[in-house]
PDB file of N, CA and C in Angstrom:
ATOM      1  N   UNK A   1     149.155  41.003 -27.595  1.00  0.00           N
ATOM      2  CA  UNK A   1     147.037  40.865 -27.903  1.00  0.00           C
ATOM      3  C   UNK A   1     148.026  41.233 -29.434  1.00  0.00           C
ATOM      4  N   UNK A   2     147.579  40.607 -30.109  1.00  0.00           N
ATOM      5  CA  UNK A   2     147.757  41.245 -31.543  1.00  0.00           C
ATOM      6  C   UNK A   2     146.238  41.402 -32.154  1.00  0.00           C
ATOM      7  N   UNK A   3     146.714  42.221 -33.511  1.00  0.00           N
ATOM      8  CA  UNK A   3     145.221  42.506 -34.309  1.00  0.00           C
ATOM      9  C   UNK A   3     145.118  41.092 -35.387  1.00  0.00           C
ATOM     10  N   UNK A   4     143.738  40.737 -36.054  1.00  0.00           N
ATOM     11  CA  UNK A   4     143.094  40.138 -37.256  1.00  0.00           C
ATOM     12  C   UNK A   4     144.058  39.993 -38.161  1.00  0.00           C
ATOM     13  N   UNK A   5     144.892  41.248 -38.729  1.00  0.00           N
ATOM     14  CA  UNK A   5     145.864  41.734 -39.385  1.00  0.00           C
ATOM     15  C   UNK A   5     147.166  40.964 -39.486  1.00  0.00           C
ATOM     16  N   UNK A   6     147.559  41.172 -38.435  1.00  0.00           N
ATOM     17  CA  UNK A   6     149.158  40.375 -38.138  1.00  0.00           C
ATOM     18  C   UNK A   6     149.435  39.223 -38.146  1.00  0.00           C
ATOM     19  N   UNK A   7     149.999  38.496 -38.856  1.00  0.00           N
ATOM     20  CA  UNK A   7     149.961  37.010 -37.963  1.00  0.00           C
ATOM     21  C   UNK A   7     150.661  36.825 -36.847  1.00  0.00           C
ATOM     22  N   UNK A   8     150.768  35.878 -36.445  1.00  0.00           N
ATOM     23  CA  UNK A   8     151.446  36.282 -34.610  1.00  0.00           C
ATOM     24  C   UNK A   8     151.206  34.559 -34.377  1.00  0.00           C
ATOM     25  N   UNK A   9     151.889  34.335 -33.786  1.00  0.00           N
ATOM     26  CA  UNK A   9     152.550  32.907 -32.875  1.00  0.00           C
ATOM     27  C   UNK A   9     152.084  32.922 -31.492  1.00  0.00           C
ATOM     28  N   UNK A  10     152.016  31.832 -31.060  1.00  0.00           N
ATOM     29  CA  UNK A  10     151.836  31.133 -29.584  1.00  0.00           C
ATOM     30  C   UNK A  10     153.149  31.446 -28.932  1.00  0.00           C
ATOM     31  N   UNK A  11     153.425  32.556 -27.387  1.00  0.00           N
ATOM     32  CA  UNK A  11     154.675  31.970 -27.259  1.00  0.00           C
ATOM     33  C   UNK A  11     154.976  31.667 -26.059  1.00  0.00           C
ATOM     34  N   UNK A  12     155.813  31.516 -24.849  1.00  0.00           N
ATOM     35  CA  UNK A  12     156.158  31.412 -23.750  1.00  0.00           C
ATOM     36  C   UNK A  12     156.811  32.627 -23.752  1.00  0.00           C
ATOM     37  N   UNK A  13     156.157  33.586 -22.754  1.00  0.00           N
ATOM     38  CA  UNK A  13     157.143  34.803 -22.244  1.00  0.00           C
ATOM     39  C   UNK A  13     157.225  34.680 -20.451  1.00  0.00           C
ATOM     40  N   UNK A  14     158.726  34.822 -20.544  1.00  0.00           N
ATOM     41  CA  UNK A  14     159.383  35.136 -19.506  1.00  0.00           C
ATOM     42  C   UNK A  14     158.811  36.613 -18.802  1.00  0.00           C
ATOM     43  N   UNK A  15     158.254  36.795 -17.933  1.00  0.00           N
ATOM     44  CA  UNK A  15     157.620  38.123 -17.954  1.00  0.00           C
ATOM     45  C   UNK A  15     158.966  39.259 -16.413  1.00  0.00           C
ATOM     46  N   UNK A  16     159.671  37.960 -15.683  1.00  0.00           N
ATOM     47  CA  UNK A  16     160.672  38.817 -14.977  1.00  0.00           C
ATOM     48  C   UNK A  16     161.390  37.447 -14.264  1.00  0.00           C
ATOM     49  N   UNK A  17     162.497  37.636 -13.550  1.00  0.00           N
ATOM     50  CA  UNK A  17     163.098  36.048 -12.716  1.00  0.00           C
ATOM     51  C   UNK A  17     162.088  35.724 -11.984  1.00  0.00           C
ATOM     52  N   UNK A  18     161.970  34.432 -11.420  1.00  0.00           N
ATOM     53  CA  UNK A  18     161.515  34.094 -11.147  1.00  0.00           C
ATOM     54  C   UNK A  18     160.888  32.791 -11.081  1.00  0.00           C
ATOM     55  N   UNK A  19     159.999  31.812 -10.363  1.00  0.00           N
ATOM     56  CA  UNK A  19     159.630  30.355 -10.197  1.00  0.00           C
ATOM     57  C   UNK A  19     157.959  30.654 -11.868  1.00  0.00           C
ATOM     58  N   UNK A  20     157.443  29.704 -11.484  1.00  0.00           N
ATOM     59  CA  UNK A  20     156.128  29.098 -13.053  1.00  0.00           C
ATOM     60  C   UNK A  20     155.622  30.563 -13.474  1.00  0.00           C
ATOM     61  N   UNK A  21     155.210  31.470 -12.075  1.00  0.00           N
ATOM     62  CA  UNK A  21     154.738  32.756 -12.850  1.00  0.00           C
ATOM     63  C   UNK A  21     155.332  33.316 -13.361  1.00  0.00           C
ATOM     64  N   UNK A  22     156.244  33.467 -13.476  1.00  0.00           N
ATOM     65  CA  UNK A  22     157.207  34.462 -14.912  1.00  0.00           C
ATOM     66  C   UNK A  22     156.526  33.949 -15.852  1.00  0.00           C
ATOM     67  N   UNK A  23     156.232  33.199 -15.936  1.00  0.00           N
ATOM     68  CA  UNK A  23     156.331  32.493 -17.584  1.00  0.00           C
ATOM     69  C   UNK A  23     154.177  32.953 -18.043  1.00  0.00           C
ATOM     70  N   UNK A  24     154.627  33.708 -18.980  1.00  0.00           N
ATOM     71  CA  UNK A  24     152.862  33.541 -19.663  1.00  0.00           C
ATOM     72  C   UNK A  24     152.840  33.368 -20.651  1.00  0.00           C
ATOM     73  N   UNK A  25     152.240  32.772 -21.350  1.00  0.00           N
ATOM     74  CA  UNK A  25     151.859  32.490 -22.751  1.00  0.00           C
ATOM     75  C   UNK A  25     150.565  33.503 -23.361  1.00  0.00           C
ATOM     76  N   UNK A  26     151.630  34.261 -24.200  1.00  0.00           N
ATOM     77  CA  UNK A  26     151.017  34.749 -24.674  1.00  0.00           C
ATOM     78  C   UNK A  26     151.060  34.838 -26.492  1.00  0.00           C
ATOM     79  N   UNK A  27     149.703  35.848 -27.249  1.00  0.00           N
ATOM     80  CA  UNK A  27     149.410  35.151 -28.510  1.00  0.00           C
ATOM     81  C   UNK A  27     150.956  36.917 -29.011  1.00  0.00           C
ATOM     82  N   UNK A  28     151.821  36.760 -29.357  1.00  0.00           N
ATOM     83  CA  UNK A  28     152.790  37.661 -30.146  1.00  0.00           C
ATOM     84  C   UNK A  28     152.291  37.911 -31.497  1.00  0.00           C
ATOM     85  N   UNK A  29     153.580  38.896 -32.209  1.00  0.00           N
ATOM     86  CA  UNK A  29     152.713  39.096 -33.518  1.00  0.00           C
ATOM     87  C   UNK A  29     154.201  38.578 -33.951  1.00  0.00           C
ATOM     88  N   UNK A  30     154.098  37.525 -35.329  1.00  0.00           N
ATOM     89  CA  UNK A  30     155.191  36.591 -36.082  1.00  0.00           C
ATOM     90  C   UNK A  30     156.484  37.439 -36.433  1.00  0.00           C
ATOM     91  N   UNK A  31     157.148  36.820 -35.714  1.00  0.00           N
ATOM     92  CA  UNK A  31     159.011  37.998 -35.982  1.00  0.00           C
ATOM     93  C   UNK A  31     158.849  38.048 -37.573  1.00  0.00           C
ATOM     94  N   UNK A  32     159.711  39.251 -37.680  1.00  0.00           N
ATOM     95  CA  UNK A  32     160.019  38.979 -38.901  1.00  0.00           C
ATOM     96  C   UNK A  32     161.505  39.005 -39.648  1.00  0.00           C
ATOM     97  N   UNK A  33     162.177  37.985 -39.894  1.00  0.00           N
ATOM     98  CA  UNK A  33     163.382  37.927 -40.314  1.00  0.00           C
ATOM     99  C   UNK A  33     164.276  38.882 -41.327  1.00  0.00           C
ATOM    100  N   UNK A  34     165.190  38.827 -40.627  1.00  0.00           N
ATOM    101  CA  UNK A  34     166.441  40.004 -41.594  1.00  0.00           C
ATOM    102  C   UNK A  34     167.031  39.471 -42.847  1.00  0.00           C
ATOM    103  N   UNK A  35     167.766  40.077 -43.469  1.00  0.00           N
ATOM    104  CA  UNK A  35     168.212  39.429 -44.887  1.00  0.00           C
ATOM    105  C   UNK A  35     169.164  38.330 -44.673  1.00  0.00           C
ATOM    106  N   UNK A  36     169.591  37.809 -43.543  1.00  0.00           N
ATOM    107  CA  UNK A  36     170.583  36.722 -42.664  1.00  0.00           C
ATOM    108  C   UNK A  36     170.106  35.629 -42.129  1.00  0.00           C
ATOM    109  N   UNK A  37     168.323  35.608 -41.835  1.00  0.00           N
ATOM    110  CA  UNK A  37     167.684  35.362 -40.713  1.00  0.00           C
ATOM    111  C   UNK A  37     166.928  34.432 -41.752  1.00  0.00           C
ATOM    112  N   UNK A  38     166.061  33.197 -41.164  1.00  0.00           N
ATOM    113  CA  UNK A  38     165.244  32.263 -41.156  1.00  0.00           C
ATOM    114  C   UNK A  38     164.107  32.042 -40.441  1.00  0.00           C
ATOM    115  N   UNK A  39     163.215  31.897 -40.565  1.00  0.00           N
ATOM    116  CA  UNK A  39     162.256  31.711 -39.967  1.00  0.00           C
ATOM    117  C   UNK A  39     162.068  30.090 -39.469  1.00  0.00           C
ATOM    118  N   UNK A  40     161.486  29.660 -38.431  1.00  0.00           N
ATOM    119  CA  UNK A  40     161.179  28.261 -38.124  1.00  0.00           C
ATOM    120  C   UNK A  40     159.927  28.125 -37.702  1.00  0.00           C
ATOM    121  N   UNK A  41     159.403  26.850 -37.891  1.00  0.00           N
ATOM    122  CA  UNK A  41     157.803  26.782 -37.488  1.00  0.00           C
ATOM    123  C   UNK A  41     158.503  25.900 -36.241  1.00  0.00           C
ATOM    124  N   UNK A  42     158.299  26.366 -35.704  1.00  0.00           N
ATOM    125  CA  UNK A  42     158.278  24.737 -34.236  1.00  0.00           C
ATOM    126  C   UNK A  42     157.283  24.217 -34.102  1.00  0.00           C
ATOM    127  N   UNK A  43     156.864  22.674 -33.445  1.00  0.00           N
ATOM    128  CA  UNK A  43     155.814  22.274 -33.423  1.00  0.00           C
ATOM    129  C   UNK A  43     155.752  21.581 -32.652  1.00  0.00           C
ATOM    130  N   UNK A  44     157.147  21.259 -31.607  1.00  0.00           N
ATOM    131  CA  UNK A  44     157.332  21.082 -30.253  1.00  0.00           C
ATOM    132  C   UNK A  44     158.739  21.355 -29.239  1.00  0.00           C
ATOM    133  N   UNK A  45     158.616  21.968 -28.374  1.00  0.00           N
ATOM    134  CA  UNK A  45     159.777  22.440 -27.599  1.00  0.00           C
ATOM    135  C   UNK A  45     159.992  21.528 -25.999  1.00  0.00           C
ATOM    136  N   UNK A  46     161.229  22.102 -25.687  1.00  0.00           N
ATOM    137  CA  UNK A  46     161.609  21.654 -24.405  1.00  0.00           C
ATOM    138  C   UNK A  46     162.323  22.596 -23.677  1.00  0.00           C
ATOM    139  N   UNK A  47     162.725  22.147 -22.025  1.00  0.00           N
ATOM    140  CA  UNK A  47     163.812  23.239 -21.556  1.00  0.00           C
ATOM    141  C   UNK A  47     164.525  22.454 -20.655  1.00  0.00           C
ATOM    142  N   UNK A  48     165.800  23.392 -20.566  1.00  0.00           N
ATOM    143  CA  UNK A  48     166.130  22.586 -19.532  1.00  0.00           C
ATOM    144  C   UNK A  48     167.443  23.271 -18.712  1.00  0.00           C
ATOM    145  N   UNK A  49     167.966  22.931 -17.846  1.00  0.00           N
ATOM    146  CA  UNK A  49     168.106  23.558 -17.023  1.00  0.00           C
ATOM    147  C   UNK A  49     168.878  25.025 -17.016  1.00  0.00           C
ATOM    148  N   UNK A  50     169.952  25.311 -18.319  1.00  0.00           N
ATOM    149  CA  UNK A  50     170.138  26.915 -19.024  1.00  0.00           C
ATOM    150  C   UNK A  50     169.078  27.399 -18.435  1.00  0.00           C
ATOM    151  N   UNK A  51     167.694  27.116 -19.351  1.00  0.00           N
ATOM    152  CA  UNK A  51     166.823  27.603 -19.899  1.00  0.00           C
ATOM    153  C   UNK A  51     165.990  27.761 -17.859  1.00  0.00           C
ATOM    154  N   UNK A  52     165.746  27.179 -17.663  1.00  0.00           N
ATOM    155  CA  UNK A  52     165.708  26.907 -15.838  1.00  0.00           C
ATOM    156  C   UNK A  52     166.564  28.547 -14.800  1.00  0.00           C
ATOM    157  N   UNK A  53     167.334  28.138 -15.002  1.00  0.00           N
ATOM    158  CA  UNK A  53     168.248  28.670 -13.845  1.00  0.00           C
ATOM    159  C   UNK A  53     168.224  30.111 -14.629  1.00  0.00           C
ATOM    160  N   UNK A  54     168.177  30.850 -16.387  1.00  0.00           N
ATOM    161  CA  UNK A  54     167.904  31.905 -16.734  1.00  0.00           C
ATOM    162  C   UNK A  54     166.430  32.389 -16.304  1.00  0.00           C
ATOM    163  N   UNK A  55     165.198  31.808 -16.420  1.00  0.00           N
ATOM    164  CA  UNK A  55     164.534  32.384 -15.545  1.00  0.00           C
ATOM    165  C   UNK A  55     164.840  32.641 -13.931  1.00  0.00           C
ATOM    166  N   UNK A  56     165.135  31.698 -13.733  1.00  0.00           N
ATOM    167  CA  UNK A  56     165.557  31.951 -12.204  1.00  0.00           C
ATOM    168  C   UNK A  56     165.995  32.943 -11.774  1.00  0.00           C
ATOM    169  N   UNK A  57     167.007  33.474 -12.737  1.00  0.00           N
ATOM    170  CA  UNK A  57     167.848  34.705 -12.133  1.00  0.00           C
ATOM    171  C   UNK A  57     169.574  33.895 -11.384  1.00  0.00           C
ATOM    172  N   UNK A  58     169.182  32.881 -11.586  1.00  0.00           N
ATOM    173  CA  UNK A  58     170.682  32.459 -11.046  1.00  0.00           C
ATOM    174  C   UNK A  58     171.345  32.019 -11.467  1.00  0.00           C
ATOM    175  N   UNK A  59     171.646  32.744 -12.708  1.00  0.00           N
ATOM    176  CA  UNK A  59     173.667  32.812 -13.044  1.00  0.00           C
ATOM    177  C   UNK A  59     174.062  33.912 -12.547  1.00  0.00           C
ATOM    178  N   UNK A  60     173.401  34.354 -11.779  1.00  0.00           N
ATOM    179  CA  UNK A  60     174.161  35.677 -11.291  1.00  0.00           C
ATOM    180  C   UNK A  60     174.897  36.148  -9.862  1.00  0.00           C
ATOM    181  N   UNK A  61     173.787  34.929  -8.850  1.00  0.00           N
ATOM    182  CA  UNK A  61     173.846  34.839  -7.998  1.00  0.00           C
ATOM    183  C   UNK A  61     175.471  33.969  -7.340  1.00  0.00           C
ATOM    184  N   UNK A  62     176.271  34.640  -6.509  1.00  0.00           N
ATOM    185  CA  UNK A  62     177.554  34.568  -5.815  1.00  0.00           C
ATOM    186  C   UNK A  62     177.411  34.373  -4.691  1.00  0.00           C
ATOM    187  N   UNK A  63     178.493  34.083  -3.866  1.00  0.00           N
ATOM    188  CA  UNK A  63     178.738  33.649  -2.170  1.00  0.00           C
ATOM    189  C   UNK A  63     178.697  35.524  -2.146  1.00  0.00           C
ATOM    190  N   UNK A  64     179.194  36.347  -2.990  1.00  0.00           N
ATOM    191  CA  UNK A  64     179.302  37.589  -2.557  1.00  0.00           C
ATOM    192  C   UNK A  64     177.521  38.214  -1.932  1.00  0.00           C
ATOM    193  N   UNK A  65     177.083  38.166  -3.393  1.00  0.00           N
ATOM    194  CA  UNK A  65     175.869  38.594  -3.287  1.00  0.00           C
ATOM    195  C   UNK A  65     174.923  37.153  -3.911  1.00  0.00           C
ATOM    196  N   UNK A  66     174.264  36.871  -2.656  1.00  0.00           N
ATOM    197  CA  UNK A  66     173.356  35.554  -2.823  1.00  0.00           C
ATOM    198  C   UNK A  66     172.117  36.004  -3.659  1.00  0.00           C
ATOM    199  N   UNK A  67     171.750  36.786  -3.599  1.00  0.00           N
ATOM    200  CA  UNK A  67     170.292  37.380  -3.599  1.00  0.00           C
ATOM    201  C   UNK A  67     170.220  38.560  -5.345  1.00  0.00           C
ATOM    202  N   UNK A  68     171.746  38.344  -5.755  1.00  0.00           N
ATOM    203  CA  UNK A  68     171.455  39.194  -7.009  1.00  0.00           C
ATOM    204  C   UNK A  68     170.954  38.488  -8.158  1.00  0.00           C
ATOM    205  N   UNK A  69     170.539  38.687  -9.499  1.00  0.00           N
ATOM    206  CA  UNK A  69     169.866  37.876 -10.683  1.00  0.00           C
ATOM    207  C   UNK A  69     169.919  38.732 -12.083  1.00  0.00           C
ATOM    208  N   UNK A  70     170.346  37.790 -12.671  1.00  0.00           N
ATOM    209  CA  UNK A  70     170.997  37.389 -13.820  1.00  0.00           C
ATOM    210  C   UNK A  70     171.085  36.779 -15.258  1.00  0.00           C
ATOM    211  N   UNK A  71     171.394  36.949 -16.677  1.00  0.00           N
ATOM    212  CA  UNK A  71     170.643  35.875 -17.102  1.00  0.00           C
ATOM    213  C   UNK A  71     172.661  35.016 -17.123  1.00  0.00           C
ATOM    214  N   UNK A  72     172.749  33.946 -17.850  1.00  0.00           N
ATOM    215  CA  UNK A  72     174.032  33.481 -18.497  1.00  0.00           C
ATOM    216  C   UNK A  72     175.386  34.897 -18.998  1.00  0.00           C
ATOM    217  N   UNK A  73     175.107  36.003 -19.380  1.00  0.00           N
ATOM    218  CA  UNK A  73     175.516  37.274 -20.065  1.00  0.00           C
ATOM    219  C   UNK A  73     175.309  37.932 -18.929  1.00  0.00           C
ATOM    220  N   UNK A  74     175.211  38.076 -18.084  1.00  0.00           N
ATOM    221  CA  UNK A  74     174.788  39.734 -17.118  1.00  0.00           C
ATOM    222  C   UNK A  74     173.343  39.582 -16.970  1.00  0.00           C
ATOM    223  N   UNK A  75     172.988  40.528 -16.452  1.00  0.00           N
ATOM    224  CA  UNK A  75     171.423  41.293 -16.328  1.00  0.00           C
ATOM    225  C   UNK A  75     170.628  41.276 -18.308  1.00  0.00           C
ATOM    226  N   UNK A  76     169.085  40.646 -17.780  1.00  0.00           N
ATOM    227  CA  UNK A  76     168.441  40.514 -18.960  1.00  0.00           C
ATOM    228  C   UNK A  76     167.389  41.581 -19.022  1.00  0.00           C
ATOM    229  N   UNK A  77     166.650  41.754 -20.221  1.00  0.00           N
ATOM    230  CA  UNK A  77     165.587  42.771 -20.314  1.00  0.00           C
ATOM    231  C   UNK A  77     164.571  41.378 -20.406  1.00  0.00           C
ATOM    232  N   UNK A  78     163.102  42.210 -20.226  1.00  0.00           N
ATOM    233  CA  UNK A  78     161.653  41.473 -19.864  1.00  0.00           C
ATOM    234  C   UNK A  78     161.094  42.446 -20.941  1.00  0.00           C
ATOM    235  N   UNK A  79     159.921  41.785 -21.393  1.00  0.00           N
ATOM    236  CA  UNK A  79     159.856  40.131 -21.296  1.00  0.00           C
ATOM    237  C   UNK A  79     160.845  39.448 -22.401  1.00  0.00           C
ATOM    238  N   UNK A  80     160.733  38.719 -22.091  1.00  0.00           N
ATOM    239  CA  UNK A  80     161.664  37.893 -22.995  1.00  0.00           C
ATOM    240  C   UNK A  80     161.003  36.481 -23.598  1.00  0.00           C
ATOM    241  N   UNK A  81     160.640  36.374 -24.852  1.00  0.00           N
ATOM    242  CA  UNK A  81     160.166  35.195 -25.815  1.00  0.00           C
ATOM    243  C   UNK A  81     160.799  33.682 -26.008  1.00  0.00           C
TER     244      UNK A  81
END
């Protein structure tokens, strides 16, 4: 939840590894870009197999540990915008 004085944006937030129940639509504080960053207004977005597998945690699963969960580069911190 943001205050009326803080600029905000609507975001799809991944709260944990899982199915569609892992995604929440939230109003979050607008990010403040650093000196070498830019802020881009997005009118529409999509998702691909990497987005789905990351949400599911499927990248960490292996023959040795089929229950392991993680992202492309290893364990993930949540929430993720």
